[in-house]
Amino acid sequence: MDECIREIHAANDAAGFWEQLYRGKGSVWKDTANPLLAETARHLTPGHALDLGCGEGGDTRWLATHEWHVTAVDIAPTALQRTSRLAARNGL
């Protein structure tokens, strides 16, 4: 039981850390894709992608504008809001 409680606290600490990071700054990452992702995915046939830890959505936007169907997930609500705004600005 103690291990379960420790895991719950660790998850809450992680969520709090990332939310505080995003909420405390206007922008944490550029809204462009990671160059390694873009170079790798450029040679793949578009399909479905999971952007786990999507941050502010740069990779999500790149994939979506290259015909990928993307599910973006993040632990920080502020990061997801920024991803949604970036997607809306790009008509996604």
PDB file of N, CA and C in Angstrom:
ATOM      1  N   MET A   1       0.820  -1.200   0.000  1.00  0.00           N
ATOM      2  CA  MET A   1       0.000   0.000   0.000  1.00  0.00           C
ATOM      3  C   MET A   1       0.859   1.256   0.000  1.00  0.00           C
ATOM      4  N   ASP A   2       1.952   1.254   0.754  1.00  0.00           N
ATOM      5  CA  ASP A   2       2.833   2.421   0.790  1.00  0.00           C
ATOM      6  C   ASP A   2       3.401   2.722  -0.592  1.00  0.00           C
ATOM      7  N   GLU A   3       3.694   1.684  -1.374  1.00  0.00           N
ATOM      8  CA  GLU A   3       4.229   1.877  -2.722  1.00  0.00           C
ATOM      9  C   GLU A   3       3.202   2.585  -3.609  1.00  0.00           C
ATOM     10  N   CYS A   4       1.940   2.217  -3.492  1.00  0.00           N
ATOM     11  CA  CYS A   4       0.878   2.880  -4.266  1.00  0.00           C
ATOM     12  C   CYS A   4       0.782   4.353  -3.906  1.00  0.00           C
ATOM     13  N   ILE A   5       0.862   4.661  -2.645  1.00  0.00           N
ATOM     14  CA  ILE A   5       0.790   6.050  -2.194  1.00  0.00           C
ATOM     15  C   ILE A   5       1.979   6.838  -2.722  1.00  0.00           C
ATOM     16  N   ARG A   6       3.166   6.240  -2.701  1.00  0.00           N
ATOM     17  CA  ARG A   6       4.350   6.912  -3.241  1.00  0.00           C
ATOM     18  C   ARG A   6       4.197   7.187  -4.740  1.00  0.00           C
ATOM     19  N   GLU A   7       3.628   6.230  -5.471  1.00  0.00           N
ATOM     20  CA  GLU A   7       3.419   6.414  -6.909  1.00  0.00           C
ATOM     21  C   GLU A   7       2.429   7.536  -7.189  1.00  0.00           C
ATOM     22  N   ILE A   8       1.382   7.621  -6.387  1.00  0.00           N
ATOM     23  CA  ILE A   8       0.396   8.692  -6.555  1.00  0.00           C
ATOM     24  C   ILE A   8       1.047  10.047  -6.296  1.00  0.00           C
ATOM     25  N   HIS A   9       1.840  10.155  -5.239  1.00  0.00           N
ATOM     26  CA  HIS A   9       2.528  11.417  -4.940  1.00  0.00           C
ATOM     27  C   HIS A   9       3.515  11.778  -6.043  1.00  0.00           C
ATOM     28  N   ALA A  10       4.229  10.803  -6.575  1.00  0.00           N
ATOM     29  CA  ALA A  10       5.188  11.065  -7.653  1.00  0.00           C
ATOM     30  C   ALA A  10       4.466  11.588  -8.890  1.00  0.00           C
ATOM     31  N   ALA A  11       3.320  10.985  -9.218  1.00  0.00           N
ATOM     32  CA  ALA A  11       2.546  11.437 -10.382  1.00  0.00           C
ATOM     33  C   ALA A  11       2.043  12.860 -10.169  1.00  0.00           C
ATOM     34  N   ASN A  12       1.557  13.162  -8.969  1.00  0.00           N
ATOM     35  CA  ASN A  12       1.077  14.509  -8.664  1.00  0.00           C
ATOM     36  C   ASN A  12       2.215  15.517  -8.720  1.00  0.00           C
ATOM     37  N   ASP A  13       3.393  15.123  -8.234  1.00  0.00           N
ATOM     38  CA  ASP A  13       4.553  16.011  -8.290  1.00  0.00           C
ATOM     39  C   ASP A  13       4.944  16.287  -9.733  1.00  0.00           C
ATOM     40  N   ALA A  14       4.913  15.257 -10.585  1.00  0.00           N
ATOM     41  CA  ALA A  14       5.266  15.438 -11.991  1.00  0.00           C
ATOM     42  C   ALA A  14       4.271  16.361 -12.681  1.00  0.00           C
ATOM     43  N   ALA A  15       2.991  16.129 -12.450  1.00  0.00           N
ATOM     44  CA  ALA A  15       1.964  16.979 -13.065  1.00  0.00           C
ATOM     45  C   ALA A  15       2.126  18.425 -12.604  1.00  0.00           C
ATOM     46  N   GLY A  16       2.366  18.608 -11.329  1.00  0.00           N
ATOM     47  CA  GLY A  16       2.555  19.957 -10.792  1.00  0.00           C
ATOM     48  C   GLY A  16       3.785  20.635 -11.367  1.00  0.00           C
ATOM     49  N   PHE A  17       4.865  19.882 -11.511  1.00  0.00           N
ATOM     50  CA  PHE A  17       6.094  20.427 -12.080  1.00  0.00           C
ATOM     51  C   PHE A  17       5.859  20.964 -13.491  1.00  0.00           C
ATOM     52  N   TRP A  18       5.250  20.123 -14.360  1.00  0.00           N
ATOM     53  CA  TRP A  18       5.046  20.527 -15.749  1.00  0.00           C
ATOM     54  C   TRP A  18       4.042  21.657 -15.875  1.00  0.00           C
ATOM     55  N   GLU A  19       2.976  21.625 -15.088  1.00  0.00           N
ATOM     56  CA  GLU A  19       1.990  22.708 -15.147  1.00  0.00           C
ATOM     57  C   GLU A  19       2.624  24.020 -14.701  1.00  0.00           C
ATOM     58  N   GLN A  20       3.411  23.976 -13.655  1.00  0.00           N
ATOM     59  CA  GLN A  20       4.083  25.186 -13.171  1.00  0.00           C
ATOM     60  C   GLN A  20       5.056  25.712 -14.220  1.00  0.00           C
ATOM     61  N   LEU A  21       5.758  24.837 -14.886  1.00  0.00           N
ATOM     62  CA  LEU A  21       6.694  25.245 -15.928  1.00  0.00           C
ATOM     63  C   LEU A  21       5.965  25.976 -17.052  1.00  0.00           C
ATOM     64  N   TYR A  22       4.881  25.390 -17.550  1.00  0.00           N
ATOM     65  CA  TYR A  22       4.147  26.007 -18.646  1.00  0.00           C
ATOM     66  C   TYR A  22       3.418  27.271 -18.214  1.00  0.00           C
ATOM     67  N   ARG A  23       2.832  27.240 -17.055  1.00  0.00           N
ATOM     68  CA  ARG A  23       2.068  28.396 -16.592  1.00  0.00           C
ATOM     69  C   ARG A  23       2.988  29.576 -16.274  1.00  0.00           C
ATOM     70  N   GLY A  24       4.216  29.294 -15.895  1.00  0.00           N
ATOM     71  CA  GLY A  24       5.144  30.350 -15.490  1.00  0.00           C
ATOM     72  C   GLY A  24       5.835  31.069 -16.631  1.00  0.00           C
ATOM     73  N   LYS A  25       5.662  30.597 -17.864  1.00  0.00           N
ATOM     74  CA  LYS A  25       6.353  31.207 -19.002  1.00  0.00           C
ATOM     75  C   LYS A  25       5.374  31.417 -20.151  1.00  0.00           C
ATOM     76  N   GLY A  26       5.661  32.423 -20.952  1.00  0.00           N
ATOM     77  CA  GLY A  26       4.825  32.671 -22.119  1.00  0.00           C
ATOM     78  C   GLY A  26       4.930  31.556 -23.140  1.00  0.00           C
ATOM     79  N   SER A  27       6.127  31.051 -23.330  1.00  0.00           N
ATOM     80  CA  SER A  27       6.344  29.955 -24.257  1.00  0.00           C
ATOM     81  C   SER A  27       7.578  29.191 -23.789  1.00  0.00           C
ATOM     82  N   VAL A  28       7.473  27.878 -23.759  1.00  0.00           N
ATOM     83  CA  VAL A  28       8.586  27.051 -23.307  1.00  0.00           C
ATOM     84  C   VAL A  28       9.373  26.533 -24.501  1.00  0.00           C
ATOM     85  N   TRP A  29       8.661  26.072 -25.527  1.00  0.00           N
ATOM     86  CA  TRP A  29       9.292  25.502 -26.718  1.00  0.00           C
ATOM     87  C   TRP A  29       8.920  26.333 -27.927  1.00  0.00           C
ATOM     88  N   LYS A  30       9.687  26.192 -28.991  1.00  0.00           N
ATOM     89  CA  LYS A  30       9.292  26.808 -30.256  1.00  0.00           C
ATOM     90  C   LYS A  30       8.095  26.027 -30.790  1.00  0.00           C
ATOM     91  N   ASP A  31       7.284  26.656 -31.630  1.00  0.00           N
ATOM     92  CA  ASP A  31       6.128  25.941 -32.177  1.00  0.00           C
ATOM     93  C   ASP A  31       6.497  25.199 -33.464  1.00  0.00           C
ATOM     94  N   THR A  32       7.763  24.864 -33.597  1.00  0.00           N
ATOM     95  CA  THR A  32       8.229  24.075 -34.734  1.00  0.00           C
ATOM     96  C   THR A  32       8.524  22.656 -34.266  1.00  0.00           C
ATOM     97  N   ALA A  33       8.577  21.754 -35.213  1.00  0.00           N
ATOM     98  CA  ALA A  33       8.818  20.348 -34.883  1.00  0.00           C
ATOM     99  C   ALA A  33      10.276  20.115 -34.496  1.00  0.00           C
ATOM    100  N   ASN A  34      10.472  19.091 -33.716  1.00  0.00           N
ATOM    101  CA  ASN A  34      11.814  18.604 -33.436  1.00  0.00           C
ATOM    102  C   ASN A  34      12.426  18.206 -34.777  1.00  0.00           C
ATOM    103  N   PRO A  35      13.603  18.710 -35.133  1.00  0.00           N
ATOM    104  CA  PRO A  35      14.192  18.395 -36.444  1.00  0.00           C
ATOM    105  C   PRO A  35      14.363  16.899 -36.703  1.00  0.00           C
ATOM    106  N   LEU A  36      14.681  16.124 -35.678  1.00  0.00           N
ATOM    107  CA  LEU A  36      14.848  14.685 -35.862  1.00  0.00           C
ATOM    108  C   LEU A  36      13.512  14.023 -36.198  1.00  0.00           C
ATOM    109  N   LEU A  37      12.443  14.467 -35.550  1.00  0.00           N
ATOM    110  CA  LEU A  37      11.120  13.936 -35.874  1.00  0.00           C
ATOM    111  C   LEU A  37      10.770  14.251 -37.322  1.00  0.00           C
ATOM    112  N   ALA A  38      10.948  15.501 -37.727  1.00  0.00           N
ATOM    113  CA  ALA A  38      10.596  15.913 -39.084  1.00  0.00           C
ATOM    114  C   ALA A  38      11.405  15.131 -40.118  1.00  0.00           C
ATOM    115  N   GLU A  39      12.680  14.971 -39.889  1.00  0.00           N
ATOM    116  CA  GLU A  39      13.520  14.239 -40.840  1.00  0.00           C
ATOM    117  C   GLU A  39      13.113  12.769 -40.921  1.00  0.00           C
ATOM    118  N   THR A  40      12.807  12.171 -39.800  1.00  0.00           N
ATOM    119  CA  THR A  40      12.419  10.750 -39.772  1.00  0.00           C
ATOM    120  C   THR A  40      11.042  10.554 -40.389  1.00  0.00           C
ATOM    121  N   ALA A  41      10.065  11.351 -39.958  1.00  0.00           N
ATOM    122  CA  ALA A  41       8.681  11.171 -40.409  1.00  0.00           C
ATOM    123  C   ALA A  41       8.497  11.556 -41.872  1.00  0.00           C
ATOM    124  N   ARG A  42       9.348  12.424 -42.385  1.00  0.00           N
ATOM    125  CA  ARG A  42       9.249  12.869 -43.771  1.00  0.00           C
ATOM    126  C   ARG A  42       9.308  11.688 -44.739  1.00  0.00           C
ATOM    127  N   HIS A  43       9.988  10.615 -44.325  1.00  0.00           N
ATOM    128  CA  HIS A  43      10.183   9.453 -45.189  1.00  0.00           C
ATOM    129  C   HIS A  43       9.165   8.337 -44.944  1.00  0.00           C
ATOM    130  N   LEU A  44       8.226   8.574 -44.048  1.00  0.00           N
ATOM    131  CA  LEU A  44       7.225   7.564 -43.701  1.00  0.00           C
ATOM    132  C   LEU A  44       5.889   7.890 -44.372  1.00  0.00           C
ATOM    133  N   THR A  45       5.106   6.872 -44.586  1.00  0.00           N
ATOM    134  CA  THR A  45       3.751   7.064 -45.083  1.00  0.00           C
ATOM    135  C   THR A  45       2.897   7.580 -43.925  1.00  0.00           C
ATOM    136  N   PRO A  46       2.209   8.707 -44.113  1.00  0.00           N
ATOM    137  CA  PRO A  46       1.380   9.227 -43.022  1.00  0.00           C
ATOM    138  C   PRO A  46       0.351   8.204 -42.552  1.00  0.00           C
ATOM    139  N   GLY A  47       0.120   8.198 -41.266  1.00  0.00           N
ATOM    140  CA  GLY A  47      -0.846   7.303 -40.650  1.00  0.00           C
ATOM    141  C   GLY A  47      -1.338   7.929 -39.362  1.00  0.00           C
ATOM    142  N   HIS A  48      -1.370   7.152 -38.315  1.00  0.00           N
ATOM    143  CA  HIS A  48      -1.803   7.633 -36.999  1.00  0.00           C
ATOM    144  C   HIS A  48      -0.574   7.800 -36.112  1.00  0.00           C
ATOM    145  N   ALA A  49      -0.569   8.875 -35.320  1.00  0.00           N
ATOM    146  CA  ALA A  49       0.549   9.147 -34.420  1.00  0.00           C
ATOM    147  C   ALA A  49       0.020   9.565 -33.055  1.00  0.00           C
ATOM    148  N   LEU A  50       0.756   9.183 -32.040  1.00  0.00           N
ATOM    149  CA  LEU A  50       0.479   9.618 -30.669  1.00  0.00           C
ATOM    150  C   LEU A  50       1.634  10.509 -30.247  1.00  0.00           C
ATOM    151  N   ASP A  51       1.344  11.767 -29.960  1.00  0.00           N
ATOM    152  CA  ASP A  51       2.361  12.684 -29.465  1.00  0.00           C
ATOM    153  C   ASP A  51       2.199  12.751 -27.951  1.00  0.00           C
ATOM    154  N   LEU A  52       2.883  11.868 -27.274  1.00  0.00           N
ATOM    155  CA  LEU A  52       2.793  11.740 -25.822  1.00  0.00           C
ATOM    156  C   LEU A  52       3.771  12.721 -25.187  1.00  0.00           C
ATOM    157  N   GLY A  53       3.243  13.635 -24.400  1.00  0.00           N
ATOM    158  CA  GLY A  53       4.071  14.719 -23.877  1.00  0.00           C
ATOM    159  C   GLY A  53       4.225  15.778 -24.951  1.00  0.00           C
ATOM    160  N   CYS A  54       3.101  16.182 -25.534  1.00  0.00           N
ATOM    161  CA  CYS A  54       3.101  17.048 -26.725  1.00  0.00           C
ATOM    162  C   CYS A  54       3.598  18.457 -26.450  1.00  0.00           C
ATOM    163  N   GLY A  55       3.687  18.853 -25.185  1.00  0.00           N
ATOM    164  CA  GLY A  55       4.148  20.208 -24.899  1.00  0.00           C
ATOM    165  C   GLY A  55       3.236  21.227 -25.539  1.00  0.00           C
ATOM    166  N   GLU A  56       3.808  22.138 -26.287  1.00  0.00           N
ATOM    167  CA  GLU A  56       3.020  23.210 -26.895  1.00  0.00           C
ATOM    168  C   GLU A  56       2.591  22.899 -28.323  1.00  0.00           C
ATOM    169  N   GLY A  57       2.871  21.682 -28.801  1.00  0.00           N
ATOM    170  CA  GLY A  57       2.277  21.202 -30.031  1.00  0.00           C
ATOM    171  C   GLY A  57       3.072  21.328 -31.312  1.00  0.00           C
ATOM    172  N   GLY A  58       4.344  21.654 -31.240  1.00  0.00           N
ATOM    173  CA  GLY A  58       5.134  21.802 -32.456  1.00  0.00           C
ATOM    174  C   GLY A  58       5.190  20.529 -33.287  1.00  0.00           C
ATOM    175  N   ASP A  59       5.457  19.401 -32.646  1.00  0.00           N
ATOM    176  CA  ASP A  59       5.496  18.131 -33.374  1.00  0.00           C
ATOM    177  C   ASP A  59       4.101  17.751 -33.870  1.00  0.00           C
ATOM    178  N   THR A  60       3.103  17.982 -33.042  1.00  0.00           N
ATOM    179  CA  THR A  60       1.722  17.681 -33.416  1.00  0.00           C
ATOM    180  C   THR A  60       1.328  18.460 -34.665  1.00  0.00           C
ATOM    181  N   ARG A  61       1.637  19.752 -34.677  1.00  0.00           N
ATOM    182  CA  ARG A  61       1.302  20.598 -35.828  1.00  0.00           C
ATOM    183  C   ARG A  61       2.013  20.109 -37.078  1.00  0.00           C
ATOM    184  N   TRP A  62       3.309  19.809 -36.965  1.00  0.00           N
ATOM    185  CA  TRP A  62       4.065  19.351 -38.132  1.00  0.00           C
ATOM    186  C   TRP A  62       3.448  18.074 -38.695  1.00  0.00           C
ATOM    187  N   LEU A  63       3.195  17.118 -37.828  1.00  0.00           N
ATOM    188  CA  LEU A  63       2.623  15.850 -38.281  1.00  0.00           C
ATOM    189  C   LEU A  63       1.266  16.078 -38.953  1.00  0.00           C
ATOM    190  N   ALA A  64       0.406  16.864 -38.310  1.00  0.00           N
ATOM    191  CA  ALA A  64      -0.938  17.093 -38.849  1.00  0.00           C
ATOM    192  C   ALA A  64      -0.892  17.798 -40.203  1.00  0.00           C
ATOM    193  N   THR A  65       0.028  18.735 -40.373  1.00  0.00           N
ATOM    194  CA  THR A  65       0.116  19.435 -41.653  1.00  0.00           C
ATOM    195  C   THR A  65       0.770  18.566 -42.728  1.00  0.00           C
ATOM    196  N   HIS A  66       1.289  17.415 -42.329  1.00  0.00           N
ATOM    197  CA  HIS A  66       1.845  16.457 -43.292  1.00  0.00           C
ATOM    198  C   HIS A  66       0.967  15.203 -43.381  1.00  0.00           C
ATOM    199  N   GLU A  67      -0.343  15.425 -43.148  1.00  0.00           N
ATOM    200  CA  GLU A  67      -1.392  14.425 -43.363  1.00  0.00           C
ATOM    201  C   GLU A  67      -1.431  13.282 -42.348  1.00  0.00           C
ATOM    202  N   TRP A  68      -0.787  13.450 -41.210  1.00  0.00           N
ATOM    203  CA  TRP A  68      -0.881  12.457 -40.144  1.00  0.00           C
ATOM    204  C   TRP A  68      -2.133  12.749 -39.318  1.00  0.00           C
ATOM    205  N   HIS A  69      -2.731  11.713 -38.765  1.00  0.00           N
ATOM    206  CA  HIS A  69      -3.839  11.845 -37.806  1.00  0.00           C
ATOM    207  C   HIS A  69      -3.192  11.724 -36.428  1.00  0.00           C
ATOM    208  N   VAL A  70      -3.210  12.826 -35.685  1.00  0.00           N
ATOM    209  CA  VAL A  70      -2.423  12.904 -34.454  1.00  0.00           C
ATOM    210  C   VAL A  70      -3.319  13.023 -33.224  1.00  0.00           C
ATOM    211  N   THR A  71      -2.978  12.259 -32.205  1.00  0.00           N
ATOM    212  CA  THR A  71      -3.570  12.415 -30.881  1.00  0.00           C
ATOM    213  C   THR A  71      -2.483  13.023 -30.003  1.00  0.00           C
ATOM    214  N   ALA A  72      -2.748  14.205 -29.468  1.00  0.00           N
ATOM    215  CA  ALA A  72      -1.780  14.917 -28.633  1.00  0.00           C
ATOM    216  C   ALA A  72      -2.188  14.788 -27.169  1.00  0.00           C
ATOM    217  N   VAL A  73      -1.234  14.397 -26.332  1.00  0.00           N
ATOM    218  CA  VAL A  73      -1.490  14.174 -24.911  1.00  0.00           C
ATOM    219  C   VAL A  73      -0.395  14.859 -24.096  1.00  0.00           C
ATOM    220  N   ASP A  74      -0.781  15.498 -23.014  1.00  0.00           N
ATOM    221  CA  ASP A  74       0.205  16.062 -22.097  1.00  0.00           C
ATOM    222  C   ASP A  74      -0.371  16.048 -20.691  1.00  0.00           C
ATOM    223  N   ILE A  75       0.508  16.076 -19.725  1.00  0.00           N
ATOM    224  CA  ILE A  75       0.102  16.031 -18.325  1.00  0.00           C
ATOM    225  C   ILE A  75      -0.290  17.422 -17.814  1.00  0.00           C
ATOM    226  N   ALA A  76       0.123  18.466 -18.528  1.00  0.00           N
ATOM    227  CA  ALA A  76      -0.125  19.843 -18.098  1.00  0.00           C
ATOM    228  C   ALA A  76      -1.268  20.466 -18.906  1.00  0.00           C
ATOM    229  N   PRO A  77      -2.341  20.875 -18.249  1.00  0.00           N
ATOM    230  CA  PRO A  77      -3.458  21.510 -18.953  1.00  0.00           C
ATOM    231  C   PRO A  77      -3.045  22.742 -19.758  1.00  0.00           C
ATOM    232  N   THR A  78      -2.110  23.538 -19.251  1.00  0.00           N
ATOM    233  CA  THR A  78      -1.664  24.726 -19.975  1.00  0.00           C
ATOM    234  C   THR A  78      -0.992  24.336 -21.285  1.00  0.00           C
ATOM    235  N   ALA A  79      -0.214  23.269 -21.284  1.00  0.00           N
ATOM    236  CA  ALA A  79       0.427  22.790 -22.520  1.00  0.00           C
ATOM    237  C   ALA A  79      -0.639  22.383 -23.536  1.00  0.00           C
ATOM    238  N   LEU A  80      -1.653  21.685 -23.092  1.00  0.00           N
ATOM    239  CA  LEU A  80      -2.718  21.274 -24.009  1.00  0.00           C
ATOM    240  C   LEU A  80      -3.481  22.465 -24.572  1.00  0.00           C
ATOM    241  N   GLN A  81      -3.698  23.487 -23.753  1.00  0.00           N
ATOM    242  CA  GLN A  81      -4.357  24.695 -24.246  1.00  0.00           C
ATOM    243  C   GLN A  81      -3.520  25.351 -25.337  1.00  0.00           C
ATOM    244  N   ARG A  82      -2.218  25.376 -25.149  1.00  0.00           N
ATOM    245  CA  ARG A  82      -1.338  25.976 -26.161  1.00  0.00           C
ATOM    246  C   ARG A  82      -1.326  25.142 -27.433  1.00  0.00           C
ATOM    247  N   THR A  83      -1.351  23.830 -27.295  1.00  0.00           N
ATOM    248  CA  THR A  83      -1.423  22.956 -28.469  1.00  0.00           C
ATOM    249  C   THR A  83      -2.718  23.209 -29.227  1.00  0.00           C
ATOM    250  N   SER A  84      -3.817  23.342 -28.512  1.00  0.00           N
ATOM    251  CA  SER A  84      -5.116  23.606 -29.147  1.00  0.00           C
ATOM    252  C   SER A  84      -5.107  24.939 -29.877  1.00  0.00           C
ATOM    253  N   ARG A  85      -4.529  25.967 -29.260  1.00  0.00           N
ATOM    254  CA  ARG A  85      -4.465  27.278 -29.919  1.00  0.00           C
ATOM    255  C   ARG A  85      -3.588  27.229 -31.175  1.00  0.00           C
ATOM    256  N   LEU A  86      -2.471  26.515 -31.101  1.00  0.00           N
ATOM    257  CA  LEU A  86      -1.591  26.383 -32.258  1.00  0.00           C
ATOM    258  C   LEU A  86      -2.324  25.655 -33.391  1.00  0.00           C
ATOM    259  N   ALA A  87      -3.040  24.610 -33.033  1.00  0.00           N
ATOM    260  CA  ALA A  87      -3.806  23.861 -34.044  1.00  0.00           C
ATOM    261  C   ALA A  87      -4.870  24.762 -34.682  1.00  0.00           C
ATOM    262  N   ALA A  88      -5.569  25.537 -33.883  1.00  0.00           N
ATOM    263  CA  ALA A  88      -6.611  26.418 -34.416  1.00  0.00           C
ATOM    264  C   ALA A  88      -6.011  27.482 -35.340  1.00  0.00           C
ATOM    265  N   ARG A  89      -4.861  28.054 -34.943  1.00  0.00           N
ATOM    266  CA  ARG A  89      -4.211  29.057 -35.795  1.00  0.00           C
ATOM    267  C   ARG A  89      -3.796  28.472 -37.142  1.00  0.00           C
ATOM    268  N   ASN A  90      -3.554  27.166 -37.173  1.00  0.00           N
ATOM    269  CA  ASN A  90      -3.125  26.500 -38.406  1.00  0.00           C
ATOM    270  C   ASN A  90      -4.260  25.780 -39.114  1.00  0.00           C
ATOM    271  N   GLY A  91      -5.488  26.018 -38.674  1.00  0.00           N
ATOM    272  CA  GLY A  91      -6.646  25.416 -39.318  1.00  0.00           C
ATOM    273  C   GLY A  91      -6.731  23.900 -39.167  1.00  0.00           C
ATOM    274  N   LEU A  92      -6.220  23.400 -38.059  1.00  0.00           N
ATOM    275  CA  LEU A  92      -6.216  21.951 -37.820  1.00  0.00           C
ATOM    276  C   LEU A  92      -7.288  21.556 -36.827  1.00  0.00           C
TER     277      LEU A  92
END
